[in-house]
Amino acid sequence: MRLRSPRHLRIAAHTELVSLIVLLANVFTVHLKPISSLMGPAHGCAYLFVVTATCRIKQAPAAAKVLALVPGVGGLLALRQLDRVDTTRAQREEVLSS
């Protein structure tokens, strides 16, 4: 069985990172309240979605679940871990079937 990171998890992980970049850029430059009030909740929702979606994947290793807790880049780190596990399993199955 192949473990593949779901598409919605990929979208949420990228949204989490982009929203954090926009928030930080806003804080360190013009600090507009409308941008903060829009991107803050968007970042929070994306973060919670990434953590929840990663924890709901039954075959996900514990390392991926812990990495998902890192704010900002945790989603991308969890996706990388899930892809690494998927590649390792595929190589193991290929060796066993040979």
N, C-alpha and C. Protein backbone atom coordinates (compact mmCIF):
# COMPACT_ATOMS: atom_id res chain seq x y z
N MET A 1 0.84 -1.19 0.00
CA MET A 1 0.00 0.00 0.00
C MET A 1 0.88 1.24 0.00
N ARG A 2 0.63 2.12 -0.92
CA ARG A 2 1.43 3.33 -1.04
C ARG A 2 0.87 4.43 -0.14
N LEU A 3 1.75 5.05 0.59
CA LEU A 3 1.37 6.21 1.41
C LEU A 3 1.68 7.45 0.61
N ARG A 4 0.67 8.20 0.30
CA ARG A 4 0.85 9.42 -0.49
C ARG A 4 0.17 10.56 0.23
N SER A 5 0.87 11.67 0.31
CA SER A 5 0.28 12.81 1.01
C SER A 5 -0.89 13.35 0.20
N PRO A 6 -2.01 13.57 0.87
CA PRO A 6 -3.21 14.04 0.17
C PRO A 6 -3.02 15.45 -0.40
N ARG A 7 -3.77 15.72 -1.44
CA ARG A 7 -3.68 17.02 -2.11
C ARG A 7 -4.09 18.16 -1.18
N HIS A 8 -5.13 17.93 -0.37
CA HIS A 8 -5.57 19.01 0.53
C HIS A 8 -4.51 19.35 1.57
N LEU A 9 -3.70 18.36 1.95
CA LEU A 9 -2.61 18.62 2.89
C LEU A 9 -1.52 19.46 2.22
N ARG A 10 -1.24 19.18 0.97
CA ARG A 10 -0.25 19.98 0.22
C ARG A 10 -0.70 21.43 0.09
N ILE A 11 -1.97 21.63 -0.24
CA ILE A 11 -2.50 22.99 -0.40
C ILE A 11 -2.44 23.74 0.93
N ALA A 12 -2.84 23.08 2.01
CA ALA A 12 -2.84 23.73 3.33
C ALA A 12 -1.42 24.05 3.79
N ALA A 13 -0.47 23.16 3.50
CA ALA A 13 0.92 23.40 3.91
C ALA A 13 1.49 24.62 3.19
N HIS A 14 1.22 24.73 1.91
CA HIS A 14 1.71 25.90 1.17
C HIS A 14 0.99 27.18 1.60
N THR A 15 -0.29 27.07 1.88
CA THR A 15 -1.05 28.23 2.37
C THR A 15 -0.50 28.71 3.71
N GLU A 16 -0.15 27.77 4.56
CA GLU A 16 0.41 28.11 5.87
C GLU A 16 1.71 28.91 5.70
N LEU A 17 2.58 28.45 4.83
CA LEU A 17 3.86 29.14 4.64
C LEU A 17 3.68 30.50 3.99
N VAL A 18 2.87 30.57 2.94
CA VAL A 18 2.67 31.84 2.24
C VAL A 18 2.01 32.87 3.16
N SER A 19 1.03 32.44 3.94
CA SER A 19 0.37 33.38 4.84
C SER A 19 1.33 33.89 5.91
N LEU A 20 2.24 33.05 6.37
CA LEU A 20 3.23 33.50 7.35
C LEU A 20 4.19 34.51 6.73
N ILE A 21 4.60 34.25 5.50
CA ILE A 21 5.50 35.20 4.81
C ILE A 21 4.81 36.55 4.64
N VAL A 22 3.55 36.54 4.24
CA VAL A 22 2.81 37.79 4.07
C VAL A 22 2.66 38.51 5.40
N LEU A 23 2.35 37.77 6.45
CA LEU A 23 2.22 38.39 7.78
C LEU A 23 3.52 39.05 8.23
N LEU A 24 4.62 38.33 8.09
CA LEU A 24 5.90 38.88 8.52
C LEU A 24 6.33 40.06 7.66
N ALA A 25 6.09 39.96 6.36
CA ALA A 25 6.42 41.09 5.48
C ALA A 25 5.60 42.32 5.85
N ASN A 26 4.35 42.10 6.18
CA ASN A 26 3.49 43.21 6.58
C ASN A 26 3.97 43.83 7.89
N VAL A 27 4.33 43.01 8.85
CA VAL A 27 4.77 43.52 10.16
C VAL A 27 6.06 44.32 10.02
N PHE A 28 6.99 43.83 9.19
CA PHE A 28 8.29 44.50 9.09
C PHE A 28 8.32 45.64 8.08
N THR A 29 7.22 45.88 7.37
CA THR A 29 7.20 46.99 6.42
C THR A 29 6.12 47.99 6.80
N VAL A 30 4.95 47.92 6.19
CA VAL A 30 3.94 48.95 6.38
C VAL A 30 2.97 48.70 7.53
N HIS A 31 2.84 47.46 7.96
CA HIS A 31 1.96 47.05 9.05
C HIS A 31 0.53 47.57 8.89
N LEU A 32 -0.10 47.14 7.81
CA LEU A 32 -1.50 47.50 7.56
C LEU A 32 -2.42 46.57 8.33
N LYS A 33 -3.35 47.15 9.07
CA LYS A 33 -4.29 46.36 9.88
C LYS A 33 -5.16 45.42 9.04
N PRO A 34 -5.67 45.82 7.88
CA PRO A 34 -6.51 44.89 7.10
C PRO A 34 -5.76 43.63 6.66
N ILE A 35 -4.49 43.78 6.34
CA ILE A 35 -3.70 42.60 5.94
C ILE A 35 -3.51 41.68 7.14
N SER A 36 -3.23 42.26 8.28
CA SER A 36 -3.06 41.44 9.48
C SER A 36 -4.35 40.73 9.87
N SER A 37 -5.46 41.45 9.76
CA SER A 37 -6.73 40.85 10.17
C SER A 37 -7.21 39.79 9.17
N LEU A 38 -6.72 39.83 7.95
CA LEU A 38 -7.07 38.81 6.97
C LEU A 38 -6.12 37.62 7.03
N MET A 39 -4.83 37.89 7.08
CA MET A 39 -3.84 36.81 6.99
C MET A 39 -3.63 36.08 8.32
N GLY A 40 -3.88 36.74 9.44
CA GLY A 40 -3.72 36.08 10.73
C GLY A 40 -4.64 34.88 10.88
N PRO A 41 -5.94 35.06 10.71
CA PRO A 41 -6.84 33.90 10.79
C PRO A 41 -6.61 32.88 9.68
N ALA A 42 -6.21 33.34 8.49
CA ALA A 42 -5.93 32.40 7.40
C ALA A 42 -4.74 31.51 7.76
N HIS A 43 -3.72 32.11 8.34
CA HIS A 43 -2.55 31.33 8.77
C HIS A 43 -2.93 30.36 9.89
N GLY A 44 -3.72 30.83 10.85
CA GLY A 44 -4.13 29.97 11.95
C GLY A 44 -4.96 28.79 11.49
N CYS A 45 -5.88 29.04 10.58
CA CYS A 45 -6.71 27.95 10.04
C CYS A 45 -5.88 26.95 9.26
N ALA A 46 -4.96 27.45 8.44
CA ALA A 46 -4.10 26.55 7.66
C ALA A 46 -3.23 25.71 8.59
N TYR A 47 -2.70 26.33 9.65
CA TYR A 47 -1.88 25.60 10.62
C TYR A 47 -2.68 24.48 11.28
N LEU A 48 -3.86 24.81 11.77
CA LEU A 48 -4.70 23.80 12.42
C LEU A 48 -5.11 22.70 11.46
N PHE A 49 -5.38 23.06 10.22
CA PHE A 49 -5.76 22.07 9.21
C PHE A 49 -4.60 21.12 8.93
N VAL A 50 -3.39 21.65 8.82
CA VAL A 50 -2.21 20.81 8.57
C VAL A 50 -2.01 19.83 9.71
N VAL A 51 -2.07 20.32 10.92
CA VAL A 51 -1.87 19.44 12.08
C VAL A 51 -2.93 18.35 12.12
N THR A 52 -4.18 18.72 11.94
CA THR A 52 -5.28 17.76 11.99
C THR A 52 -5.19 16.75 10.85
N ALA A 53 -4.94 17.24 9.64
CA ALA A 53 -4.88 16.35 8.48
C ALA A 53 -3.71 15.37 8.59
N THR A 54 -2.59 15.83 9.10
CA THR A 54 -1.43 14.93 9.26
C THR A 54 -1.71 13.88 10.32
N CYS A 55 -2.31 14.27 11.41
CA CYS A 55 -2.61 13.31 12.47
C CYS A 55 -3.66 12.29 12.06
N ARG A 56 -4.51 12.62 11.11
CA ARG A 56 -5.55 11.69 10.66
C ARG A 56 -5.06 10.65 9.67
N ILE A 57 -3.86 10.83 9.13
CA ILE A 57 -3.30 9.82 8.22
C ILE A 57 -2.80 8.66 9.07
N LYS A 58 -3.42 7.52 8.92
CA LYS A 58 -3.12 6.39 9.79
C LYS A 58 -1.70 5.85 9.61
N GLN A 59 -1.20 5.84 8.38
CA GLN A 59 0.13 5.29 8.14
C GLN A 59 1.25 6.31 8.34
N ALA A 60 0.90 7.52 8.72
CA ALA A 60 1.92 8.56 8.92
C ALA A 60 2.79 8.21 10.12
N PRO A 61 4.11 8.32 9.95
CA PRO A 61 5.00 8.06 11.09
C PRO A 61 4.87 9.17 12.14
N ALA A 62 5.31 8.85 13.33
CA ALA A 62 5.24 9.82 14.43
C ALA A 62 6.04 11.07 14.12
N ALA A 63 7.14 10.91 13.39
CA ALA A 63 7.98 12.07 13.06
C ALA A 63 7.20 13.08 12.21
N ALA A 64 6.40 12.60 11.28
CA ALA A 64 5.60 13.51 10.45
C ALA A 64 4.57 14.24 11.29
N LYS A 65 3.98 13.55 12.23
CA LYS A 65 2.97 14.17 13.09
C LYS A 65 3.60 15.24 13.98
N VAL A 66 4.79 15.00 14.47
CA VAL A 66 5.48 15.98 15.31
C VAL A 66 5.93 17.17 14.47
N LEU A 67 6.45 16.89 13.27
CA LEU A 67 6.89 17.98 12.39
C LEU A 67 5.75 18.90 11.99
N ALA A 68 4.55 18.36 11.89
CA ALA A 68 3.39 19.17 11.51
C ALA A 68 3.09 20.24 12.57
N LEU A 69 3.56 20.05 13.78
CA LEU A 69 3.31 21.01 14.86
C LEU A 69 4.18 22.26 14.77
N VAL A 70 5.21 22.23 13.94
CA VAL A 70 6.09 23.39 13.79
C VAL A 70 5.35 24.48 13.01
N PRO A 71 5.18 25.66 13.58
CA PRO A 71 4.44 26.71 12.87
C PRO A 71 5.19 27.20 11.63
N GLY A 72 4.45 27.48 10.59
CA GLY A 72 5.03 28.04 9.38
C GLY A 72 5.50 27.02 8.37
N VAL A 73 6.50 26.26 8.72
CA VAL A 73 7.07 25.29 7.78
C VAL A 73 6.76 23.84 8.15
N GLY A 74 6.03 23.64 9.22
CA GLY A 74 5.74 22.28 9.69
C GLY A 74 4.99 21.44 8.68
N GLY A 75 4.09 22.05 7.95
CA GLY A 75 3.34 21.32 6.94
C GLY A 75 4.23 20.80 5.83
N LEU A 76 5.14 21.64 5.39
CA LEU A 76 6.06 21.22 4.33
C LEU A 76 7.04 20.15 4.84
N LEU A 77 7.47 20.29 6.07
CA LEU A 77 8.35 19.26 6.65
C LEU A 77 7.62 17.93 6.80
N ALA A 78 6.37 17.98 7.21
CA ALA A 78 5.58 16.76 7.33
C ALA A 78 5.36 16.11 5.96
N LEU A 79 5.09 16.92 4.95
CA LEU A 79 4.94 16.38 3.59
C LEU A 79 6.22 15.72 3.12
N ARG A 80 7.34 16.34 3.42
CA ARG A 80 8.63 15.75 3.04
C ARG A 80 8.83 14.40 3.74
N GLN A 81 8.47 14.34 5.01
CA GLN A 81 8.60 13.09 5.75
C GLN A 81 7.67 12.02 5.17
N LEU A 82 6.46 12.39 4.83
CA LEU A 82 5.51 11.43 4.26
C LEU A 82 6.01 10.92 2.91
N ASP A 83 6.56 11.81 2.09
CA ASP A 83 7.10 11.39 0.80
C ASP A 83 8.32 10.49 0.97
N ARG A 84 9.13 10.77 1.97
CA ARG A 84 10.31 9.95 2.24
C ARG A 84 9.90 8.54 2.64
N VAL A 85 8.89 8.43 3.49
CA VAL A 85 8.39 7.13 3.92
C VAL A 85 7.81 6.38 2.72
N ASP A 86 7.09 7.11 1.86
CA ASP A 86 6.50 6.50 0.67
C ASP A 86 7.58 5.96 -0.25
N THR A 87 8.65 6.72 -0.47
CA THR A 87 9.74 6.28 -1.33
C THR A 87 10.44 5.06 -0.74
N THR A 88 10.66 5.08 0.56
CA THR A 88 11.33 3.96 1.22
C THR A 88 10.49 2.70 1.11
N ARG A 89 9.19 2.81 1.32
CA ARG A 89 8.31 1.64 1.21
C ARG A 89 8.27 1.11 -0.21
N ALA A 90 8.24 2.00 -1.19
CA ALA A 90 8.22 1.57 -2.58
C ALA A 90 9.50 0.83 -2.95
N GLN A 91 10.64 1.33 -2.48
CA GLN A 91 11.91 0.66 -2.75
C GLN A 91 11.96 -0.70 -2.06
N ARG A 92 11.46 -0.77 -0.85
CA ARG A 92 11.46 -2.04 -0.11
C ARG A 92 10.59 -3.07 -0.81
N GLU A 93 9.41 -2.64 -1.29
CA GLU A 93 8.52 -3.57 -2.01
C GLU A 93 9.14 -4.03 -3.31
N GLU A 94 9.88 -3.13 -3.97
CA GLU A 94 10.53 -3.50 -5.23
C GLU A 94 11.61 -4.54 -5.00
N VAL A 95 12.36 -4.38 -3.91
CA VAL A 95 13.42 -5.34 -3.60
C VAL A 95 12.82 -6.69 -3.22
N LEU A 96 11.74 -6.68 -2.46
CA LEU A 96 11.11 -7.92 -2.05
C LEU A 96 10.46 -8.66 -3.20
N SER A 97 9.95 -7.93 -4.18
CA SER A 97 9.30 -8.59 -5.31
C SER A 97 10.31 -9.12 -6.33
N SER A 98 11.55 -8.67 -6.25
CA SER A 98 12.58 -9.14 -7.22
C SER A 98 13.10 -10.51 -6.90
